[in-house]
Amino acid sequence: MNATDVPDLNPDELTVLRLMAEGETVEAVARRLDVSERTVRRRARSACSAVGVDTTVEAIVWAVRRRLI
């Protein structure tokens, strides 16, 4: 993937990554967004898939480097 090929992350995925980057736990993110923990984990996995990384931390770093969160 080159610099011009930025995958689309939906607003829900970006919100989950942003909150996790701020140090929120899965449980806290779920409460804050009024969704289940399973939904938070699914959104984080989806973001990882979209950007081609294996972990949420890598997805957060990817998004921060691109100034998306």
PDB file of N, CA and C in Angstrom:
ATOM      1  N   MET A   1       0.846  -1.173   0.000  1.00  0.00           N
ATOM      2  CA  MET A   1       0.000   0.000   0.000  1.00  0.00           C
ATOM      3  C   MET A   1       0.890   1.234   0.000  1.00  0.00           C
ATOM      4  N   ASN A   2       0.658   2.150  -0.923  1.00  0.00           N
ATOM      5  CA  ASN A   2       1.473   3.367  -0.927  1.00  0.00           C
ATOM      6  C   ASN A   2       0.753   4.496  -0.210  1.00  0.00           C
ATOM      7  N   ALA A   3       1.398   5.643  -0.083  1.00  0.00           N
ATOM      8  CA  ALA A   3       0.872   6.745   0.715  1.00  0.00           C
ATOM      9  C   ALA A   3      -0.459   7.278   0.206  1.00  0.00           C
ATOM     10  N   THR A   4      -0.736   7.126  -1.078  1.00  0.00           N
ATOM     11  CA  THR A   4      -1.992   7.643  -1.609  1.00  0.00           C
ATOM     12  C   THR A   4      -3.144   6.665  -1.445  1.00  0.00           C
ATOM     13  N   ASP A   5      -2.852   5.415  -1.104  1.00  0.00           N
ATOM     14  CA  ASP A   5      -3.888   4.404  -0.926  1.00  0.00           C
ATOM     15  C   ASP A   5      -4.314   4.329   0.533  1.00  0.00           C
ATOM     16  N   VAL A   6      -5.139   5.286   0.951  1.00  0.00           N
ATOM     17  CA  VAL A   6      -5.616   5.291   2.324  1.00  0.00           C
ATOM     18  C   VAL A   6      -6.948   4.560   2.372  1.00  0.00           C
ATOM     19  N   PRO A   7      -7.003   3.438   3.095  1.00  0.00           N
ATOM     20  CA  PRO A   7      -8.254   2.691   3.183  1.00  0.00           C
ATOM     21  C   PRO A   7      -9.321   3.508   3.903  1.00  0.00           C
ATOM     22  N   ASP A   8     -10.553   3.188   3.617  1.00  0.00           N
ATOM     23  CA  ASP A   8     -11.659   3.848   4.289  1.00  0.00           C
ATOM     24  C   ASP A   8     -11.902   3.202   5.641  1.00  0.00           C
ATOM     25  N   LEU A   9     -11.889   4.015   6.675  1.00  0.00           N
ATOM     26  CA  LEU A   9     -12.313   3.574   7.995  1.00  0.00           C
ATOM     27  C   LEU A   9     -13.597   4.329   8.284  1.00  0.00           C
ATOM     28  N   ASN A  10     -14.619   3.613   8.723  1.00  0.00           N
ATOM     29  CA  ASN A  10     -15.871   4.302   8.979  1.00  0.00           C
ATOM     30  C   ASN A  10     -15.789   5.068  10.304  1.00  0.00           C
ATOM     31  N   PRO A  11     -16.692   6.001  10.529  1.00  0.00           N
ATOM     32  CA  PRO A  11     -16.642   6.819  11.745  1.00  0.00           C
ATOM     33  C   PRO A  11     -16.672   5.997  13.035  1.00  0.00           C
ATOM     34  N   ASP A  12     -17.398   4.888  13.045  1.00  0.00           N
ATOM     35  CA  ASP A  12     -17.447   4.047  14.246  1.00  0.00           C
ATOM     36  C   ASP A  12     -16.088   3.426  14.545  1.00  0.00           C
ATOM     37  N   GLU A  13     -15.408   2.961  13.515  1.00  0.00           N
ATOM     38  CA  GLU A  13     -14.072   2.374  13.695  1.00  0.00           C
ATOM     39  C   GLU A  13     -13.099   3.435  14.199  1.00  0.00           C
ATOM     40  N   LEU A  14     -13.151   4.622  13.608  1.00  0.00           N
ATOM     41  CA  LEU A  14     -12.257   5.704  14.034  1.00  0.00           C
ATOM     42  C   LEU A  14     -12.535   6.117  15.480  1.00  0.00           C
ATOM     43  N   THR A  15     -13.796   6.156  15.855  1.00  0.00           N
ATOM     44  CA  THR A  15     -14.146   6.517  17.229  1.00  0.00           C
ATOM     45  C   THR A  15     -13.584   5.505  18.211  1.00  0.00           C
ATOM     46  N   VAL A  16     -13.738   4.227  17.911  1.00  0.00           N
ATOM     47  CA  VAL A  16     -13.197   3.182  18.790  1.00  0.00           C
ATOM     48  C   VAL A  16     -11.680   3.320  18.894  1.00  0.00           C
ATOM     49  N   LEU A  17     -11.004   3.510  17.778  1.00  0.00           N
ATOM     50  CA  LEU A  17      -9.546   3.660  17.818  1.00  0.00           C
ATOM     51  C   LEU A  17      -9.143   4.894  18.611  1.00  0.00           C
ATOM     52  N   ARG A  18      -9.866   6.001  18.430  1.00  0.00           N
ATOM     53  CA  ARG A  18      -9.532   7.234  19.154  1.00  0.00           C
ATOM     54  C   ARG A  18      -9.684   7.040  20.658  1.00  0.00           C
ATOM     55  N   LEU A  19     -10.797   6.455  21.069  1.00  0.00           N
ATOM     56  CA  LEU A  19     -11.019   6.253  22.500  1.00  0.00           C
ATOM     57  C   LEU A  19      -9.993   5.301  23.094  1.00  0.00           C
ATOM     58  N   MET A  20      -9.646   4.265  22.353  1.00  0.00           N
ATOM     59  CA  MET A  20      -8.626   3.336  22.844  1.00  0.00           C
ATOM     60  C   MET A  20      -7.260   4.018  22.898  1.00  0.00           C
ATOM     61  N   ALA A  21      -6.987   4.885  21.938  1.00  0.00           N
ATOM     62  CA  ALA A  21      -5.724   5.631  21.952  1.00  0.00           C
ATOM     63  C   ALA A  21      -5.646   6.554  23.163  1.00  0.00           C
ATOM     64  N   GLU A  22      -6.797   7.002  23.637  1.00  0.00           N
ATOM     65  CA  GLU A  22      -6.854   7.846  24.828  1.00  0.00           C
ATOM     66  C   GLU A  22      -6.744   7.030  26.115  1.00  0.00           C
ATOM     67  N   GLY A  23      -6.635   5.714  25.980  1.00  0.00           N
ATOM     68  CA  GLY A  23      -6.432   4.858  27.134  1.00  0.00           C
ATOM     69  C   GLY A  23      -7.673   4.167  27.658  1.00  0.00           C
ATOM     70  N   GLU A  24      -8.790   4.325  26.958  1.00  0.00           N
ATOM     71  CA  GLU A  24     -10.029   3.681  27.398  1.00  0.00           C
ATOM     72  C   GLU A  24      -9.953   2.171  27.153  1.00  0.00           C
ATOM     73  N   THR A  25     -10.523   1.414  28.060  1.00  0.00           N
ATOM     74  CA  THR A  25     -10.605  -0.041  27.894  1.00  0.00           C
ATOM     75  C   THR A  25     -11.778  -0.373  26.983  1.00  0.00           C
ATOM     76  N   VAL A  26     -11.826  -1.614  26.535  1.00  0.00           N
ATOM     77  CA  VAL A  26     -12.955  -2.071  25.726  1.00  0.00           C
ATOM     78  C   VAL A  26     -14.255  -1.855  26.498  1.00  0.00           C
ATOM     79  N   GLU A  27     -14.239  -2.186  27.762  1.00  0.00           N
ATOM     80  CA  GLU A  27     -15.429  -2.044  28.595  1.00  0.00           C
ATOM     81  C   GLU A  27     -15.863  -0.586  28.689  1.00  0.00           C
ATOM     82  N   ALA A  28     -14.912   0.316  28.893  1.00  0.00           N
ATOM     83  CA  ALA A  28     -15.222   1.744  29.012  1.00  0.00           C
ATOM     84  C   ALA A  28     -15.733   2.312  27.689  1.00  0.00           C
ATOM     85  N   VAL A  29     -15.124   1.887  26.593  1.00  0.00           N
ATOM     86  CA  VAL A  29     -15.575   2.342  25.270  1.00  0.00           C
ATOM     87  C   VAL A  29     -17.014   1.882  25.029  1.00  0.00           C
ATOM     88  N   ALA A  30     -17.301   0.649  25.374  1.00  0.00           N
ATOM     89  CA  ALA A  30     -18.653   0.114  25.191  1.00  0.00           C
ATOM     90  C   ALA A  30     -19.670   0.931  25.985  1.00  0.00           C
ATOM     91  N   ARG A  31     -19.351   1.218  27.234  1.00  0.00           N
ATOM     92  CA  ARG A  31     -20.264   2.024  28.055  1.00  0.00           C
ATOM     93  C   ARG A  31     -20.448   3.415  27.455  1.00  0.00           C
ATOM     94  N   ARG A  32     -19.347   4.015  27.071  1.00  0.00           N
ATOM     95  CA  ARG A  32     -19.403   5.393  26.544  1.00  0.00           C
ATOM     96  C   ARG A  32     -20.224   5.471  25.260  1.00  0.00           C
ATOM     97  N   LEU A  33     -20.081   4.473  24.396  1.00  0.00           N
ATOM     98  CA  LEU A  33     -20.795   4.482  23.117  1.00  0.00           C
ATOM     99  C   LEU A  33     -22.156   3.800  23.199  1.00  0.00           C
ATOM    100  N   ASP A  34     -22.467   3.236  24.351  1.00  0.00           N
ATOM    101  CA  ASP A  34     -23.719   2.511  24.567  1.00  0.00           C
ATOM    102  C   ASP A  34     -23.886   1.370  23.565  1.00  0.00           C
ATOM    103  N   VAL A  35     -22.815   0.590  23.455  1.00  0.00           N
ATOM    104  CA  VAL A  35     -22.813  -0.611  22.611  1.00  0.00           C
ATOM    105  C   VAL A  35     -22.210  -1.743  23.442  1.00  0.00           C
ATOM    106  N   SER A  36     -22.270  -2.946  22.908  1.00  0.00           N
ATOM    107  CA  SER A  36     -21.697  -4.079  23.641  1.00  0.00           C
ATOM    108  C   SER A  36     -20.173  -4.113  23.481  1.00  0.00           C
ATOM    109  N   GLU A  37     -19.532  -4.807  24.407  1.00  0.00           N
ATOM    110  CA  GLU A  37     -18.086  -5.010  24.294  1.00  0.00           C
ATOM    111  C   GLU A  37     -17.765  -5.765  23.007  1.00  0.00           C
ATOM    112  N   ARG A  38     -18.632  -6.687  22.649  1.00  0.00           N
ATOM    113  CA  ARG A  38     -18.435  -7.445  21.405  1.00  0.00           C
ATOM    114  C   ARG A  38     -18.413  -6.505  20.198  1.00  0.00           C
ATOM    115  N   THR A  39     -19.293  -5.509  20.198  1.00  0.00           N
ATOM    116  CA  THR A  39     -19.328  -4.540  19.101  1.00  0.00           C
ATOM    117  C   THR A  39     -18.034  -3.731  19.049  1.00  0.00           C
ATOM    118  N   VAL A  40     -17.531  -3.331  20.206  1.00  0.00           N
ATOM    119  CA  VAL A  40     -16.266  -2.580  20.250  1.00  0.00           C
ATOM    120  C   VAL A  40     -15.138  -3.430  19.672  1.00  0.00           C
ATOM    121  N   ARG A  41     -15.072  -4.681  20.090  1.00  0.00           N
ATOM    122  CA  ARG A  41     -14.020  -5.572  19.585  1.00  0.00           C
ATOM    123  C   ARG A  41     -14.154  -5.792  18.079  1.00  0.00           C
ATOM    124  N   ARG A  42     -15.399  -5.930  17.614  1.00  0.00           N
ATOM    125  CA  ARG A  42     -15.645  -6.134  16.180  1.00  0.00           C
ATOM    126  C   ARG A  42     -15.191  -4.907  15.387  1.00  0.00           C
ATOM    127  N   ARG A  43     -15.497  -3.722  15.887  1.00  0.00           N
ATOM    128  CA  ARG A  43     -15.088  -2.496  15.195  1.00  0.00           C
ATOM    129  C   ARG A  43     -13.565  -2.358  15.171  1.00  0.00           C
ATOM    130  N   ALA A  44     -12.915  -2.729  16.260  1.00  0.00           N
ATOM    131  CA  ALA A  44     -11.451  -2.679  16.299  1.00  0.00           C
ATOM    132  C   ALA A  44     -10.852  -3.675  15.311  1.00  0.00           C
ATOM    133  N   ARG A  45     -11.409  -4.903  15.270  1.00  0.00           N
ATOM    134  CA  ARG A  45     -10.920  -5.916  14.306  1.00  0.00           C
ATOM    135  C   ARG A  45     -11.141  -5.455  12.875  1.00  0.00           C
ATOM    136  N   SER A  46     -12.283  -4.853  12.630  1.00  0.00           N
ATOM    137  CA  SER A  46     -12.602  -4.362  11.297  1.00  0.00           C
ATOM    138  C   SER A  46     -11.609  -3.281  10.868  1.00  0.00           C
ATOM    139  N   ALA A  47     -11.262  -2.403  11.785  1.00  0.00           N
ATOM    140  CA  ALA A  47     -10.272  -1.360  11.490  1.00  0.00           C
ATOM    141  C   ALA A  47      -8.918  -1.994  11.177  1.00  0.00           C
ATOM    142  N   CYS A  48      -8.544  -2.997  11.954  1.00  0.00           N
ATOM    143  CA  CYS A  48      -7.277  -3.698  11.706  1.00  0.00           C
ATOM    144  C   CYS A  48      -7.265  -4.306  10.308  1.00  0.00           C
ATOM    145  N   SER A  49      -8.336  -4.962   9.947  1.00  0.00           N
ATOM    146  CA  SER A  49      -8.437  -5.571   8.619  1.00  0.00           C
ATOM    147  C   SER A  49      -8.334  -4.518   7.518  1.00  0.00           C
ATOM    148  N   ALA A  50      -9.034  -3.418   7.720  1.00  0.00           N
ATOM    149  CA  ALA A  50      -9.073  -2.365   6.696  1.00  0.00           C
ATOM    150  C   ALA A  50      -7.691  -1.798   6.404  1.00  0.00           C
ATOM    151  N   VAL A  51      -6.866  -1.685   7.448  1.00  0.00           N
ATOM    152  CA  VAL A  51      -5.550  -1.083   7.243  1.00  0.00           C
ATOM    153  C   VAL A  51      -4.427  -2.097   7.129  1.00  0.00           C
ATOM    154  N   GLY A  52      -4.781  -3.377   7.257  1.00  0.00           N
ATOM    155  CA  GLY A  52      -3.805  -4.429   7.023  1.00  0.00           C
ATOM    156  C   GLY A  52      -2.820  -4.660   8.144  1.00  0.00           C
ATOM    157  N   VAL A  53      -3.302  -4.566   9.393  1.00  0.00           N
ATOM    158  CA  VAL A  53      -2.436  -4.827  10.546  1.00  0.00           C
ATOM    159  C   VAL A  53      -3.059  -5.918  11.398  1.00  0.00           C
ATOM    160  N   ASP A  54      -2.290  -6.406  12.366  1.00  0.00           N
ATOM    161  CA  ASP A  54      -2.738  -7.529  13.191  1.00  0.00           C
ATOM    162  C   ASP A  54      -3.316  -7.137  14.545  1.00  0.00           C
ATOM    163  N   THR A  55      -2.939  -5.971  15.067  1.00  0.00           N
ATOM    164  CA  THR A  55      -3.380  -5.606  16.411  1.00  0.00           C
ATOM    165  C   THR A  55      -4.018  -4.220  16.427  1.00  0.00           C
ATOM    166  N   THR A  56      -4.809  -4.000  17.462  1.00  0.00           N
ATOM    167  CA  THR A  56      -5.438  -2.692  17.636  1.00  0.00           C
ATOM    168  C   THR A  56      -4.380  -1.607  17.836  1.00  0.00           C
ATOM    169  N   VAL A  57      -3.330  -1.920  18.556  1.00  0.00           N
ATOM    170  CA  VAL A  57      -2.258  -0.937  18.766  1.00  0.00           C
ATOM    171  C   VAL A  57      -1.673  -0.505  17.426  1.00  0.00           C
ATOM    172  N   GLU A  58      -1.444  -1.468  16.546  1.00  0.00           N
ATOM    173  CA  GLU A  58      -0.921  -1.125  15.217  1.00  0.00           C
ATOM    174  C   GLU A  58      -1.910  -0.261  14.440  1.00  0.00           C
ATOM    175  N   ALA A  59      -3.193  -0.547  14.567  1.00  0.00           N
ATOM    176  CA  ALA A  59      -4.213   0.254  13.884  1.00  0.00           C
ATOM    177  C   ALA A  59      -4.247   1.675  14.437  1.00  0.00           C
ATOM    178  N   ILE A  60      -4.101   1.798  15.753  1.00  0.00           N
ATOM    179  CA  ILE A  60      -4.058   3.122  16.370  1.00  0.00           C
ATOM    180  C   ILE A  60      -2.853   3.903  15.860  1.00  0.00           C
ATOM    181  N   VAL A  61      -1.694   3.272  15.847  1.00  0.00           N
ATOM    182  CA  VAL A  61      -0.479   3.934  15.348  1.00  0.00           C
ATOM    183  C   VAL A  61      -0.671   4.346  13.893  1.00  0.00           C
ATOM    184  N   TRP A  62      -1.239   3.465  13.089  1.00  0.00           N
ATOM    185  CA  TRP A  62      -1.502   3.758  11.675  1.00  0.00           C
ATOM    186  C   TRP A  62      -2.369   5.018  11.555  1.00  0.00           C
ATOM    187  N   ALA A  63      -3.447   5.076  12.337  1.00  0.00           N
ATOM    188  CA  ALA A  63      -4.375   6.209  12.267  1.00  0.00           C
ATOM    189  C   ALA A  63      -3.743   7.500  12.783  1.00  0.00           C
ATOM    190  N   VAL A  64      -2.958   7.401  13.844  1.00  0.00           N
ATOM    191  CA  VAL A  64      -2.305   8.588  14.390  1.00  0.00           C
ATOM    192  C   VAL A  64      -1.292   9.149  13.398  1.00  0.00           C
ATOM    193  N   ARG A  65      -0.529   8.274  12.773  1.00  0.00           N
ATOM    194  CA  ARG A  65       0.473   8.737  11.792  1.00  0.00           C
ATOM    195  C   ARG A  65      -0.166   9.446  10.608  1.00  0.00           C
ATOM    196  N   ARG A  66      -1.398   9.090  10.310  1.00  0.00           N
ATOM    197  CA  ARG A  66      -2.114   9.725   9.190  1.00  0.00           C
ATOM    198  C   ARG A  66      -3.024  10.857   9.663  1.00  0.00           C
ATOM    199  N   ARG A  67      -2.906  11.169  10.950  1.00  0.00           N
ATOM    200  CA  ARG A  67      -3.680  12.255  11.573  1.00  0.00           C
ATOM    201  C   ARG A  67      -5.193  12.078  11.407  1.00  0.00           C
ATOM    202  N   LEU A  68      -5.628  10.825  11.491  1.00  0.00           N
ATOM    203  CA  LEU A  68      -7.054  10.519  11.410  1.00  0.00           C
ATOM    204  C   LEU A  68      -7.707  10.558  12.792  1.00  0.00           C
ATOM    205  N   ILE A  69      -6.889  10.343  13.811  1.00  0.00           N
ATOM    206  CA  ILE A  69      -7.403  10.418  15.188  1.00  0.00           C
ATOM    207  C   ILE A  69      -6.472  11.261  16.019  1.00  0.00           C
TER     208      ILE A  69
END
